[in-house]
Amino acid sequence: MPPDPFQKCFGSLEYIFKLLIQSRKLFARATGGQYEDSFRRDLHSLFTALNGMLAVPSYDVIIPTQE
């Protein structure tokens, strides 16, 4: 059975997060570590949104992704 769009999306998150972290390291090096609080807030907001999306029990397509 082929993966549904949610599974494809979450499967690609590994690469997106690797890009985010590498970009953040380079940005921090270039700016002397400024804007760390802003980055942490944005990252927390992202995880909160992902958690909220996966917490919705009414979608049958999300259950395989949650598992």
PDB file of N, CA and C in Angstrom:
ATOM      1  N   MET A   1       0.844  -1.187   0.000  1.00  0.00           N
ATOM      2  CA  MET A   1       0.000   0.000   0.000  1.00  0.00           C
ATOM      3  C   MET A   1       0.890   1.252   0.000  1.00  0.00           C
ATOM      4  N   PRO A   2       0.716   2.133  -0.960  1.00  0.00           N
ATOM      5  CA  PRO A   2       1.560   3.334  -1.032  1.00  0.00           C
ATOM      6  C   PRO A   2       1.258   4.290   0.124  1.00  0.00           C
ATOM      7  N   PRO A   3       2.256   5.049   0.551  1.00  0.00           N
ATOM      8  CA  PRO A   3       2.026   5.993   1.642  1.00  0.00           C
ATOM      9  C   PRO A   3       1.087   7.115   1.215  1.00  0.00           C
ATOM     10  N   ASP A   4       0.281   7.563   2.152  1.00  0.00           N
ATOM     11  CA  ASP A   4      -0.628   8.665   1.846  1.00  0.00           C
ATOM     12  C   ASP A   4       0.132   9.992   1.952  1.00  0.00           C
ATOM     13  N   PRO A   5      -0.482  11.098   1.569  1.00  0.00           N
ATOM     14  CA  PRO A   5       0.219  12.392   1.585  1.00  0.00           C
ATOM     15  C   PRO A   5       0.749  12.795   2.960  1.00  0.00           C
ATOM     16  N   PHE A   6       0.025  12.449   4.030  1.00  0.00           N
ATOM     17  CA  PHE A   6       0.513  12.791   5.366  1.00  0.00           C
ATOM     18  C   PHE A   6       1.806  12.048   5.677  1.00  0.00           C
ATOM     19  N   GLN A   7       1.855  10.769   5.335  1.00  0.00           N
ATOM     20  CA  GLN A   7       3.055   9.986   5.590  1.00  0.00           C
ATOM     21  C   GLN A   7       4.226  10.500   4.745  1.00  0.00           C
ATOM     22  N   LYS A   8       3.951  10.884   3.520  1.00  0.00           N
ATOM     23  CA  LYS A   8       5.000  11.452   2.671  1.00  0.00           C
ATOM     24  C   LYS A   8       5.520  12.750   3.272  1.00  0.00           C
ATOM     25  N   CYS A   9       4.593  13.574   3.750  1.00  0.00           N
ATOM     26  CA  CYS A   9       4.970  14.850   4.356  1.00  0.00           C
ATOM     27  C   CYS A   9       5.863  14.637   5.573  1.00  0.00           C
ATOM     28  N   PHE A  10       5.429  13.777   6.474  1.00  0.00           N
ATOM     29  CA  PHE A  10       6.202  13.556   7.685  1.00  0.00           C
ATOM     30  C   PHE A  10       7.486  12.793   7.402  1.00  0.00           C
ATOM     31  N   GLY A  11       7.501  11.994   6.363  1.00  0.00           N
ATOM     32  CA  GLY A  11       8.727  11.314   5.976  1.00  0.00           C
ATOM     33  C   GLY A  11       9.789  12.278   5.482  1.00  0.00           C
ATOM     34  N   SER A  12       9.375  13.379   4.891  1.00  0.00           N
ATOM     35  CA  SER A  12      10.329  14.360   4.381  1.00  0.00           C
ATOM     36  C   SER A  12      10.795  15.336   5.457  1.00  0.00           C
ATOM     37  N   LEU A  13      10.160  15.323   6.619  1.00  0.00           N
ATOM     38  CA  LEU A  13      10.536  16.266   7.671  1.00  0.00           C
ATOM     39  C   LEU A  13      11.974  16.080   8.146  1.00  0.00           C
ATOM     40  N   GLU A  14      12.489  14.867   8.090  1.00  0.00           N
ATOM     41  CA  GLU A  14      13.876  14.632   8.500  1.00  0.00           C
ATOM     42  C   GLU A  14      14.814  15.539   7.715  1.00  0.00           C
ATOM     43  N   TYR A  15      14.617  15.598   6.424  1.00  0.00           N
ATOM     44  CA  TYR A  15      15.498  16.389   5.563  1.00  0.00           C
ATOM     45  C   TYR A  15      15.263  17.883   5.750  1.00  0.00           C
ATOM     46  N   ILE A  16      14.031  18.253   5.983  1.00  0.00           N
ATOM     47  CA  ILE A  16      13.715  19.664   6.221  1.00  0.00           C
ATOM     48  C   ILE A  16      14.368  20.136   7.515  1.00  0.00           C
ATOM     49  N   PHE A  17      14.298  19.308   8.569  1.00  0.00           N
ATOM     50  CA  PHE A  17      14.914  19.683   9.838  1.00  0.00           C
ATOM     51  C   PHE A  17      16.441  19.708   9.742  1.00  0.00           C
ATOM     52  N   LYS A  18      17.023  18.819   8.975  1.00  0.00           N
ATOM     53  CA  LYS A  18      18.469  18.870   8.766  1.00  0.00           C
ATOM     54  C   LYS A  18      18.863  20.181   8.099  1.00  0.00           C
ATOM     55  N   LEU A  19      18.076  20.590   7.103  1.00  0.00           N
ATOM     56  CA  LEU A  19      18.327  21.867   6.437  1.00  0.00           C
ATOM     57  C   LEU A  19      18.154  23.033   7.409  1.00  0.00           C
ATOM     58  N   LEU A  20      17.102  23.001   8.216  1.00  0.00           N
ATOM     59  CA  LEU A  20      16.867  24.064   9.203  1.00  0.00           C
ATOM     60  C   LEU A  20      18.034  24.188  10.184  1.00  0.00           C
ATOM     61  N   ILE A  21      18.475  23.066  10.716  1.00  0.00           N
ATOM     62  CA  ILE A  21      19.540  23.100  11.708  1.00  0.00           C
ATOM     63  C   ILE A  21      20.850  23.574  11.097  1.00  0.00           C
ATOM     64  N   GLN A  22      21.181  23.076   9.923  1.00  0.00           N
ATOM     65  CA  GLN A  22      22.416  23.520   9.267  1.00  0.00           C
ATOM     66  C   GLN A  22      22.354  25.012   8.942  1.00  0.00           C
ATOM     67  N   SER A  23      21.218  25.466   8.456  1.00  0.00           N
ATOM     68  CA  SER A  23      21.059  26.890   8.148  1.00  0.00           C
ATOM     69  C   SER A  23      21.163  27.733   9.411  1.00  0.00           C
ATOM     70  N   ARG A  24      20.584  27.231  10.485  1.00  0.00           N
ATOM     71  CA  ARG A  24      20.636  27.960  11.752  1.00  0.00           C
ATOM     72  C   ARG A  24      22.064  28.057  12.265  1.00  0.00           C
ATOM     73  N   LYS A  25      22.829  26.976  12.150  1.00  0.00           N
ATOM     74  CA  LYS A  25      24.227  27.000  12.593  1.00  0.00           C
ATOM     75  C   LYS A  25      25.016  28.042  11.807  1.00  0.00           C
ATOM     76  N   LEU A  26      24.823  28.057  10.499  1.00  0.00           N
ATOM     77  CA  LEU A  26      25.538  29.029   9.668  1.00  0.00           C
ATOM     78  C   LEU A  26      25.106  30.459   9.976  1.00  0.00           C
ATOM     79  N   PHE A  27      23.804  30.657  10.186  1.00  0.00           N
ATOM     80  CA  PHE A  27      23.292  31.988  10.513  1.00  0.00           C
ATOM     81  C   PHE A  27      23.829  32.451  11.864  1.00  0.00           C
ATOM     82  N   ALA A  28      23.851  31.543  12.851  1.00  0.00           N
ATOM     83  CA  ALA A  28      24.354  31.893  14.179  1.00  0.00           C
ATOM     84  C   ALA A  28      25.835  32.256  14.111  1.00  0.00           C
ATOM     85  N   ARG A  29      26.572  31.523  13.303  1.00  0.00           N
ATOM     86  CA  ARG A  29      28.000  31.820  13.148  1.00  0.00           C
ATOM     87  C   ARG A  29      28.184  33.199  12.507  1.00  0.00           C
ATOM     88  N   ALA A  30      27.366  33.524  11.525  1.00  0.00           N
ATOM     89  CA  ALA A  30      27.493  34.802  10.806  1.00  0.00           C
ATOM     90  C   ALA A  30      27.046  35.991  11.652  1.00  0.00           C
ATOM     91  N   THR A  31      26.088  35.774  12.566  1.00  0.00           N
ATOM     92  CA  THR A  31      25.550  36.884  13.352  1.00  0.00           C
ATOM     93  C   THR A  31      26.036  36.889  14.790  1.00  0.00           C
ATOM     94  N   GLY A  32      26.919  35.976  15.132  1.00  0.00           N
ATOM     95  CA  GLY A  32      27.426  35.936  16.496  1.00  0.00           C
ATOM     96  C   GLY A  32      26.409  35.391  17.493  1.00  0.00           C
ATOM     97  N   GLY A  33      25.477  34.572  17.025  1.00  0.00           N
ATOM     98  CA  GLY A  33      24.509  33.941  17.928  1.00  0.00           C
ATOM     99  C   GLY A  33      23.308  34.800  18.271  1.00  0.00           C
ATOM    100  N   GLN A  34      23.134  35.888  17.557  1.00  0.00           N
ATOM    101  CA  GLN A  34      21.957  36.738  17.810  1.00  0.00           C
ATOM    102  C   GLN A  34      20.689  36.020  17.363  1.00  0.00           C
ATOM    103  N   TYR A  35      19.581  36.465  17.860  1.00  0.00           N
ATOM    104  CA  TYR A  35      18.251  35.988  17.469  1.00  0.00           C
ATOM    105  C   TYR A  35      17.975  34.548  17.909  1.00  0.00           C
ATOM    106  N   GLU A  36      18.701  34.054  18.892  1.00  0.00           N
ATOM    107  CA  GLU A  36      18.497  32.690  19.381  1.00  0.00           C
ATOM    108  C   GLU A  36      17.096  32.518  19.964  1.00  0.00           C
ATOM    109  N   ASP A  37      16.638  33.511  20.726  1.00  0.00           N
ATOM    110  CA  ASP A  37      15.300  33.422  21.323  1.00  0.00           C
ATOM    111  C   ASP A  37      14.218  33.366  20.254  1.00  0.00           C
ATOM    112  N   SER A  38      14.377  34.152  19.222  1.00  0.00           N
ATOM    113  CA  SER A  38      13.399  34.165  18.134  1.00  0.00           C
ATOM    114  C   SER A  38      13.358  32.804  17.436  1.00  0.00           C
ATOM    115  N   PHE A  39      14.521  32.222  17.188  1.00  0.00           N
ATOM    116  CA  PHE A  39      14.584  30.913  16.549  1.00  0.00           C
ATOM    117  C   PHE A  39      13.907  29.858  17.417  1.00  0.00           C
ATOM    118  N   ARG A  40      14.179  29.880  18.704  1.00  0.00           N
ATOM    119  CA  ARG A  40      13.567  28.900  19.611  1.00  0.00           C
ATOM    120  C   ARG A  40      12.045  29.048  19.656  1.00  0.00           C
ATOM    121  N   ARG A  41      11.563  30.282  19.676  1.00  0.00           N
ATOM    122  CA  ARG A  41      10.107  30.510  19.667  1.00  0.00           C
ATOM    123  C   ARG A  41       9.483  29.988  18.377  1.00  0.00           C
ATOM    124  N   ASP A  42      10.127  30.269  17.256  1.00  0.00           N
ATOM    125  CA  ASP A  42       9.605  29.801  15.965  1.00  0.00           C
ATOM    126  C   ASP A  42       9.614  28.281  15.882  1.00  0.00           C
ATOM    127  N   LEU A  43      10.672  27.657  16.366  1.00  0.00           N
ATOM    128  CA  LEU A  43      10.758  26.204  16.357  1.00  0.00           C
ATOM    129  C   LEU A  43       9.699  25.589  17.279  1.00  0.00           C
ATOM    130  N   HIS A  44       9.487  26.212  18.425  1.00  0.00           N
ATOM    131  CA  HIS A  44       8.447  25.737  19.341  1.00  0.00           C
ATOM    132  C   HIS A  44       7.069  25.854  18.689  1.00  0.00           C
ATOM    133  N   SER A  45       6.826  26.943  17.991  1.00  0.00           N
ATOM    134  CA  SER A  45       5.550  27.118  17.289  1.00  0.00           C
ATOM    135  C   SER A  45       5.354  26.051  16.220  1.00  0.00           C
ATOM    136  N   LEU A  46       6.418  25.708  15.523  1.00  0.00           N
ATOM    137  CA  LEU A  46       6.348  24.676  14.498  1.00  0.00           C
ATOM    138  C   LEU A  46       5.979  23.331  15.112  1.00  0.00           C
ATOM    139  N   PHE A  47       6.665  22.952  16.196  1.00  0.00           N
ATOM    140  CA  PHE A  47       6.364  21.682  16.847  1.00  0.00           C
ATOM    141  C   PHE A  47       4.955  21.669  17.435  1.00  0.00           C
ATOM    142  N   THR A  48       4.510  22.785  17.946  1.00  0.00           N
ATOM    143  CA  THR A  48       3.147  22.884  18.468  1.00  0.00           C
ATOM    144  C   THR A  48       2.126  22.671  17.350  1.00  0.00           C
ATOM    145  N   ALA A  49       2.380  23.258  16.193  1.00  0.00           N
ATOM    146  CA  ALA A  49       1.470  23.085  15.055  1.00  0.00           C
ATOM    147  C   ALA A  49       1.453  21.633  14.572  1.00  0.00           C
ATOM    148  N   LEU A  50       2.634  21.008  14.481  1.00  0.00           N
ATOM    149  CA  LEU A  50       2.696  19.604  14.065  1.00  0.00           C
ATOM    150  C   LEU A  50       1.988  18.707  15.078  1.00  0.00           C
ATOM    151  N   ASN A  51       2.200  18.974  16.346  1.00  0.00           N
ATOM    152  CA  ASN A  51       1.546  18.209  17.392  1.00  0.00           C
ATOM    153  C   ASN A  51       0.032  18.374  17.316  1.00  0.00           C
ATOM    154  N   GLY A  52      -0.423  19.582  17.088  1.00  0.00           N
ATOM    155  CA  GLY A  52      -1.858  19.829  16.963  1.00  0.00           C
ATOM    156  C   GLY A  52      -2.463  19.104  15.770  1.00  0.00           C
ATOM    157  N   MET A  53      -1.728  19.079  14.677  1.00  0.00           N
ATOM    158  CA  MET A  53      -2.228  18.393  13.491  1.00  0.00           C
ATOM    159  C   MET A  53      -2.335  16.888  13.732  1.00  0.00           C
ATOM    160  N   LEU A  54      -1.347  16.324  14.404  1.00  0.00           N
ATOM    161  CA  LEU A  54      -1.370  14.888  14.655  1.00  0.00           C
ATOM    162  C   LEU A  54      -2.328  14.497  15.778  1.00  0.00           C
ATOM    163  N   ALA A  55      -2.740  15.460  16.579  1.00  0.00           N
ATOM    164  CA  ALA A  55      -3.630  15.166  17.702  1.00  0.00           C
ATOM    165  C   ALA A  55      -5.088  15.069  17.279  1.00  0.00           C
ATOM    166  N   VAL A  56      -5.401  15.462  16.055  1.00  0.00           N
ATOM    167  CA  VAL A  56      -6.779  15.424  15.579  1.00  0.00           C
ATOM    168  C   VAL A  56      -7.200  13.967  15.377  1.00  0.00           C
ATOM    169  N   PRO A  57      -8.138  13.460  16.176  1.00  0.00           N
ATOM    170  CA  PRO A  57      -8.496  12.047  16.081  1.00  0.00           C
ATOM    171  C   PRO A  57      -9.508  11.727  14.992  1.00  0.00           C
ATOM    172  N   SER A  58     -10.099  12.731  14.383  1.00  0.00           N
ATOM    173  CA  SER A  58     -11.204  12.466  13.474  1.00  0.00           C
ATOM    174  C   SER A  58     -10.777  12.080  12.057  1.00  0.00           C
ATOM    175  N   TYR A  59      -9.514  12.234  11.731  1.00  0.00           N
ATOM    176  CA  TYR A  59      -9.082  11.927  10.378  1.00  0.00           C
ATOM    177  C   TYR A  59      -8.492  10.529  10.305  1.00  0.00           C
ATOM    178  N   ASP A  60      -9.104   9.662   9.534  1.00  0.00           N
ATOM    179  CA  ASP A  60      -8.615   8.293   9.387  1.00  0.00           C
ATOM    180  C   ASP A  60      -7.262   8.238   8.696  1.00  0.00           C
ATOM    181  N   VAL A  61      -6.953   9.233   7.887  1.00  0.00           N
ATOM    182  CA  VAL A  61      -5.673   9.213   7.172  1.00  0.00           C
ATOM    183  C   VAL A  61      -4.504   9.565   8.079  1.00  0.00           C
ATOM    184  N   ILE A  62      -4.757  10.214   9.206  1.00  0.00           N
ATOM    185  CA  ILE A  62      -3.680  10.595  10.109  1.00  0.00           C
ATOM    186  C   ILE A  62      -3.260   9.444  11.012  1.00  0.00           C
ATOM    187  N   ILE A  63      -4.161   8.522  11.284  1.00  0.00           N
ATOM    188  CA  ILE A  63      -3.863   7.436  12.213  1.00  0.00           C
ATOM    189  C   ILE A  63      -2.641   6.617  11.791  1.00  0.00           C
ATOM    190  N   PRO A  64      -2.499   6.205  10.530  1.00  0.00           N
ATOM    191  CA  PRO A  64      -1.267   5.483  10.156  1.00  0.00           C
ATOM    192  C   PRO A  64      -0.003   6.319  10.362  1.00  0.00           C
ATOM    193  N   THR A  65      -0.107   7.614  10.167  1.00  0.00           N
ATOM    194  CA  THR A  65       1.040   8.489  10.369  1.00  0.00           C
ATOM    195  C   THR A  65       1.387   8.588  11.847  1.00  0.00           C
ATOM    196  N   GLN A  66       0.349   8.627  12.707  1.00  0.00           N
ATOM    197  CA  GLN A  66       0.587   8.681  14.142  1.00  0.00           C
ATOM    198  C   GLN A  66       1.259   7.400  14.638  1.00  0.00           C
ATOM    199  N   GLU A  67       0.917   6.285  14.030  1.00  0.00           N
ATOM    200  CA  GLU A  67       1.488   5.018  14.449  1.00  0.00           C
ATOM    201  C   GLU A  67       2.920   4.927  14.010  1.00  0.00           C
TER     202      GLU A  67
END
